[in-house]
Amino acid sequence: MYKALIRPILFCFDPEKVHYFTFSLIRNVSKIPGIKSIFKSLYLVEDKRLERNLFGLTFKNPVGLAAGFDKNAVLYNELANFGFGFIEIGTVTPKAQVGNPKQRLFRLKADKGIINRMGFNNEGLNAAITQLKKNKGQLIIGGNIGKNTETLPEDYTKDYLECFNALHPYVDYFVLNVSCPNVGSHAKLNDKDYLLELISTVQKTNATFANQKPILLKIAPDLNDLQLDEIIELIAETNLDGVIASNTSIDRTGLKTNDARLTEIGNGGLSGQPIRVKSTKVIKYLADKSNKAFPIIGVGGIHSAEDALEKLEAGADLVQVYTGFIYEGPSLIKRINEALLK
């Protein structure tokens, strides 16, 4: 029903407007008595065999929703009814920011992909905390954190620490987002020496809490083998809890969408099916080269159960969807979990 009827209608309109319309629709429909039970009966797969224990947390199933969908933590309770094992909110920055100028979100229908240059648009730290206080405890919540666009390089770490300290009581794990191609002046975030400083500082802060939270690093799919080797070394040096592979890509190789349209769209991060192979290769390289020394959450181009299994077989412990959720609908989560049980 979603792909045959709902998606064609939604895809007639501006992607960002549709995103907010869909949010309002899910939130309002979920208030109708009995609707939550209907959603759960349609999409939720409950089976102990799906549980995954990772960095001290028990995930009901290994299929999560990637950051960027519920930026401000306003819909995670309702989205839990679609069968996710975990949801990652954010990217959250200390201060609210509008992000990049619109239009900044584009569908590549021929490629089953999306290009975005949102620029960490979010309502800020305090707004996210207000929403997270409404957590009904249905599933694990991750907090994806970043810096404000206007923050000076010498204050980057301060931004991450502000988010980390404030969100610590409200999320189950953290993700340091240092690989988004859609925010200005992010070159420093890709420097190994700075990453070592950032991670070490956040780790020291984490150690001051009685209940320490897992910390993961989200990396780009465009890293070469040498850069991936540096990531492996970095994780060994800092004792980081894991990696999310991967973020969006700036590579446009092999797209079916014509060059004229791509030029018209301009810069931004590519997600969806075009980066499936690229992200899987990163996962496999990290898993094989490190001898599976750390957990990996695989994300990028998962549009089917087979795509998810491919990521898991490559070395991922959990998977996340985003663009696939938009193109395939909520039944995707159920299909992945059912395939895992088989």
Foldseek 3Di string as FASTA:
>chain_A
DCQVPVQVVLVVDQPVVSLVVVQVVLVVQVVPPPVLVVLLVQAADADCVQWDAAPNDIFRHQEEADEPSQAQLQCPVSVVSLHHREYEYHQAWAAADQADDPPAWDAPVQQLKIFGLRARHDHHQVSSVVNLVVDPPSHAYEYEYFYHLPDDPVCRLVGVLVNCVSCVVRHQAYEDELAFPNGPPSPLSLDLVVVLVSLQVSVVVQVVDPDRHAYEYAHALPDDLVSLVSVLVSCVVNVHAYYEQHDFDQDPPPRPPDPVVDVVNDTGGMFAQVCLVSSLVSQLSNCVVNVNPHAYEYEGHPQALVSQVSSVVSPHSHYYYYSSCSNRPSNRSRRNSVVVVD
